[in-house]
Amino acid sequence: MIGAPAQIVSAPAAIFNDARPKNGEAGIIKREAVAIPDIYVPIKRRGTLDQMRVDEIATSMLDKGQLAPILVRADGPRFVLVEGLHRLEAAKAR
Protein backbone atom coordinates (compact mmCIF):
# COMPACT_ATOMS: atom_id res chain seq x y z
CA MET A 1 0.00 0.00 0.00
CA ILE A 2 2.15 2.86 -1.18
CA GLY A 3 1.14 6.20 0.32
CA ALA A 4 -0.94 4.63 3.11
CA PRO A 5 -0.91 6.57 6.38
CA ALA A 6 1.82 5.57 8.80
CA GLN A 7 1.39 5.37 12.56
CA ILE A 8 2.37 8.86 13.67
CA VAL A 9 2.85 10.44 17.09
CA SER A 10 3.03 14.19 17.41
CA ALA A 11 5.86 15.70 19.40
CA PRO A 12 5.31 17.81 22.52
CA ALA A 13 4.17 21.35 21.76
CA ALA A 14 2.75 20.27 18.41
CA ILE A 15 -0.61 21.72 17.46
CA PHE A 16 -3.40 19.28 16.55
CA ASN A 17 -7.13 19.91 16.41
CA ASP A 18 -6.57 23.40 17.86
CA ALA A 19 -5.29 21.89 21.12
CA ARG A 20 -2.76 24.64 21.63
CA PRO A 21 -0.55 24.68 24.74
CA LYS A 22 -1.39 27.60 27.06
CA ASN A 23 1.14 29.83 28.83
CA GLY A 24 4.08 27.48 29.06
CA GLU A 25 2.08 24.25 29.42
CA ALA A 26 3.65 21.15 27.96
CA GLY A 27 2.33 20.07 24.59
CA ILE A 28 0.17 17.02 24.23
CA ILE A 29 1.40 13.91 22.49
CA LYS A 30 -1.32 12.49 20.28
CA ARG A 31 -1.50 9.45 18.05
CA GLU A 32 -3.05 10.10 14.67
CA ALA A 33 -2.72 9.02 11.06
CA VAL A 34 -0.88 11.45 8.79
CA ALA A 35 -0.39 11.00 5.05
CA ILE A 36 3.23 10.14 4.31
CA PRO A 37 3.61 12.89 1.66
CA ASP A 38 2.69 15.47 4.35
CA ILE A 39 5.87 14.69 6.33
CA TYR A 40 8.91 16.84 5.57
CA VAL A 41 12.33 15.30 6.23
CA PRO A 42 15.06 17.87 6.91
CA ILE A 43 17.99 17.64 4.48
CA LYS A 44 20.53 16.84 7.23
CA ARG A 45 18.39 13.87 8.34
CA ARG A 46 18.24 12.47 4.79
CA GLY A 47 22.02 12.04 4.80
CA THR A 48 21.82 9.51 7.64
CA LEU A 49 19.60 7.09 5.71
CA ASP A 50 20.82 3.46 5.57
CA GLN A 51 18.93 1.67 2.78
CA MET A 52 19.80 -1.76 4.17
CA ARG A 53 18.10 -0.83 7.48
CA VAL A 54 15.07 0.53 5.59
CA ASP A 55 14.71 -2.78 3.75
CA GLU A 56 14.88 -4.73 7.04
CA ILE A 57 12.20 -2.54 8.62
CA ALA A 58 9.99 -2.73 5.52
CA THR A 59 10.14 -6.53 5.64
CA SER A 60 9.31 -6.48 9.34
CA MET A 61 6.38 -4.10 8.71
CA LEU A 62 4.95 -6.47 6.13
CA ASP A 63 5.26 -9.43 8.54
CA LYS A 64 4.34 -7.81 11.88
CA GLY A 65 2.94 -4.38 11.07
CA GLN A 66 4.38 -1.09 12.25
CA LEU A 67 5.56 -1.70 15.82
CA ALA A 68 6.98 1.74 16.67
CA PRO A 69 5.43 5.08 15.74
CA ILE A 70 7.04 7.84 13.69
CA LEU A 71 7.44 11.06 15.69
CA VAL A 72 6.59 14.35 13.96
CA ARG A 73 5.84 17.92 14.97
CA ALA A 74 3.41 20.30 13.33
CA ASP A 75 4.91 23.13 11.27
CA GLY A 76 2.07 25.08 9.69
CA PRO A 77 0.29 22.93 7.11
CA ARG A 78 2.95 20.21 7.12
CA PHE A 79 4.61 17.92 9.64
CA VAL A 80 8.37 17.74 10.25
CA LEU A 81 10.03 14.43 11.07
CA VAL A 82 11.47 14.31 14.58
CA GLU A 83 12.22 10.60 14.93
CA GLY A 84 11.74 7.54 12.71
CA LEU A 85 13.45 8.26 9.40
CA HIS A 86 14.01 4.58 8.60
CA ARG A 87 10.44 3.66 9.60
CA LEU A 88 9.11 6.48 7.42
CA GLU A 89 11.11 5.33 4.40
CA ALA A 90 10.04 1.72 5.06
CA ALA A 91 6.39 2.82 5.19
CA LYS A 92 6.85 4.51 1.81
CA ALA A 93 8.22 1.28 0.37
CA ARG A 94 5.44 -1.00 1.55
C-alpha atoms as a PDB file:
ATOM      1  CA  MET A   1       0.000   0.000   0.000  1.00  0.00           C
ATOM      2  CA  ILE A   2       2.150   2.861  -1.182  1.00  0.00           C
ATOM      3  CA  GLY A   3       1.140   6.196   0.316  1.00  0.00           C
ATOM      4  CA  ALA A   4      -0.941   4.632   3.110  1.00  0.00           C
ATOM      5  CA  PRO A   5      -0.906   6.572   6.382  1.00  0.00           C
ATOM      6  CA  ALA A   6       1.816   5.565   8.799  1.00  0.00           C
ATOM      7  CA  GLN A   7       1.385   5.374  12.562  1.00  0.00           C
ATOM      8  CA  ILE A   8       2.373   8.865  13.669  1.00  0.00           C
ATOM      9  CA  VAL A   9       2.851  10.437  17.086  1.00  0.00           C
ATOM     10  CA  SER A  10       3.028  14.193  17.411  1.00  0.00           C
ATOM     11  CA  ALA A  11       5.856  15.699  19.400  1.00  0.00           C
ATOM     12  CA  PRO A  12       5.310  17.811  22.517  1.00  0.00           C
ATOM     13  CA  ALA A  13       4.166  21.351  21.762  1.00  0.00           C
ATOM     14  CA  ALA A  14       2.750  20.275  18.406  1.00  0.00           C
ATOM     15  CA  ILE A  15      -0.615  21.716  17.463  1.00  0.00           C
ATOM     16  CA  PHE A  16      -3.402  19.279  16.552  1.00  0.00           C
ATOM     17  CA  ASN A  17      -7.132  19.915  16.413  1.00  0.00           C
ATOM     18  CA  ASP A  18      -6.572  23.404  17.856  1.00  0.00           C
ATOM     19  CA  ALA A  19      -5.293  21.888  21.117  1.00  0.00           C
ATOM     20  CA  ARG A  20      -2.762  24.640  21.634  1.00  0.00           C
ATOM     21  CA  PRO A  21      -0.555  24.681  24.742  1.00  0.00           C
ATOM     22  CA  LYS A  22      -1.392  27.604  27.059  1.00  0.00           C
ATOM     23  CA  ASN A  23       1.136  29.830  28.825  1.00  0.00           C
ATOM     24  CA  GLY A  24       4.082  27.478  29.059  1.00  0.00           C
ATOM     25  CA  GLU A  25       2.080  24.253  29.424  1.00  0.00           C
ATOM     26  CA  ALA A  26       3.654  21.148  27.958  1.00  0.00           C
ATOM     27  CA  GLY A  27       2.335  20.073  24.594  1.00  0.00           C
ATOM     28  CA  ILE A  28       0.168  17.019  24.228  1.00  0.00           C
ATOM     29  CA  ILE A  29       1.403  13.909  22.493  1.00  0.00           C
ATOM     30  CA  LYS A  30      -1.325  12.487  20.278  1.00  0.00           C
ATOM     31  CA  ARG A  31      -1.502   9.454  18.045  1.00  0.00           C
ATOM     32  CA  GLU A  32      -3.046  10.102  14.669  1.00  0.00           C
ATOM     33  CA  ALA A  33      -2.717   9.025  11.055  1.00  0.00           C
ATOM     34  CA  VAL A  34      -0.880  11.449   8.785  1.00  0.00           C
ATOM     35  CA  ALA A  35      -0.387  10.996   5.052  1.00  0.00           C
ATOM     36  CA  ILE A  36       3.234  10.137   4.312  1.00  0.00           C
ATOM     37  CA  PRO A  37       3.612  12.887   1.663  1.00  0.00           C
ATOM     38  CA  ASP A  38       2.691  15.472   4.350  1.00  0.00           C
ATOM     39  CA  ILE A  39       5.867  14.687   6.332  1.00  0.00           C
ATOM     40  CA  TYR A  40       8.908  16.839   5.574  1.00  0.00           C
ATOM     41  CA  VAL A  41      12.329  15.295   6.225  1.00  0.00           C
ATOM     42  CA  PRO A  42      15.064  17.872   6.906  1.00  0.00           C
ATOM     43  CA  ILE A  43      17.985  17.638   4.481  1.00  0.00           C
ATOM     44  CA  LYS A  44      20.527  16.836   7.230  1.00  0.00           C
ATOM     45  CA  ARG A  45      18.394  13.871   8.338  1.00  0.00           C
ATOM     46  CA  ARG A  46      18.240  12.468   4.795  1.00  0.00           C
ATOM     47  CA  GLY A  47      22.016  12.044   4.801  1.00  0.00           C
ATOM     48  CA  THR A  48      21.816   9.514   7.643  1.00  0.00           C
ATOM     49  CA  LEU A  49      19.603   7.086   5.710  1.00  0.00           C
ATOM     50  CA  ASP A  50      20.816   3.465   5.567  1.00  0.00           C
ATOM     51  CA  GLN A  51      18.931   1.672   2.777  1.00  0.00           C
ATOM     52  CA  MET A  52      19.796  -1.762   4.170  1.00  0.00           C
ATOM     53  CA  ARG A  53      18.098  -0.835   7.481  1.00  0.00           C
ATOM     54  CA  VAL A  54      15.070   0.533   5.589  1.00  0.00           C
ATOM     55  CA  ASP A  55      14.714  -2.783   3.747  1.00  0.00           C
ATOM     56  CA  GLU A  56      14.884  -4.728   7.040  1.00  0.00           C
ATOM     57  CA  ILE A  57      12.204  -2.541   8.620  1.00  0.00           C
ATOM     58  CA  ALA A  58       9.990  -2.733   5.522  1.00  0.00           C
ATOM     59  CA  THR A  59      10.139  -6.535   5.635  1.00  0.00           C
ATOM     60  CA  SER A  60       9.306  -6.482   9.339  1.00  0.00           C
ATOM     61  CA  MET A  61       6.381  -4.096   8.714  1.00  0.00           C
ATOM     62  CA  LEU A  62       4.951  -6.473   6.126  1.00  0.00           C
ATOM     63  CA  ASP A  63       5.255  -9.428   8.536  1.00  0.00           C
ATOM     64  CA  LYS A  64       4.343  -7.813  11.876  1.00  0.00           C
ATOM     65  CA  GLY A  65       2.943  -4.382  11.066  1.00  0.00           C
ATOM     66  CA  GLN A  66       4.382  -1.087  12.255  1.00  0.00           C
ATOM     67  CA  LEU A  67       5.559  -1.695  15.820  1.00  0.00           C
ATOM     68  CA  ALA A  68       6.977   1.735  16.666  1.00  0.00           C
ATOM     69  CA  PRO A  69       5.428   5.085  15.742  1.00  0.00           C
ATOM     70  CA  ILE A  70       7.037   7.842  13.686  1.00  0.00           C
ATOM     71  CA  LEU A  71       7.439  11.056  15.686  1.00  0.00           C
ATOM     72  CA  VAL A  72       6.593  14.350  13.965  1.00  0.00           C
ATOM     73  CA  ARG A  73       5.841  17.921  14.966  1.00  0.00           C
ATOM     74  CA  ALA A  74       3.410  20.300  13.331  1.00  0.00           C
ATOM     75  CA  ASP A  75       4.908  23.126  11.274  1.00  0.00           C
ATOM     76  CA  GLY A  76       2.075  25.078   9.687  1.00  0.00           C
ATOM     77  CA  PRO A  77       0.285  22.935   7.109  1.00  0.00           C
ATOM     78  CA  ARG A  78       2.946  20.209   7.123  1.00  0.00           C
ATOM     79  CA  PHE A  79       4.613  17.925   9.640  1.00  0.00           C
ATOM     80  CA  VAL A  80       8.369  17.741  10.255  1.00  0.00           C
ATOM     81  CA  LEU A  81      10.034  14.433  11.069  1.00  0.00           C
ATOM     82  CA  VAL A  82      11.466  14.309  14.582  1.00  0.00           C
ATOM     83  CA  GLU A  83      12.219  10.597  14.925  1.00  0.00           C
ATOM     84  CA  GLY A  84      11.737   7.539  12.713  1.00  0.00           C
ATOM     85  CA  LEU A  85      13.453   8.265   9.396  1.00  0.00           C
ATOM     86  CA  HIS A  86      14.008   4.582   8.605  1.00  0.00           C
ATOM     87  CA  ARG A  87      10.439   3.664   9.605  1.00  0.00           C
ATOM     88  CA  LEU A  88       9.106   6.478   7.420  1.00  0.00           C
ATOM     89  CA  GLU A  89      11.108   5.330   4.396  1.00  0.00           C
ATOM     90  CA  ALA A  90      10.043   1.718   5.059  1.00  0.00           C
ATOM     91  CA  ALA A  91       6.389   2.818   5.191  1.00  0.00           C
ATOM     92  CA  LYS A  92       6.852   4.514   1.807  1.00  0.00           C
ATOM     93  CA  ALA A  93       8.220   1.277   0.371  1.00  0.00           C
ATOM     94  CA  ARG A  94       5.436  -1.003   1.546  1.00  0.00           C
END
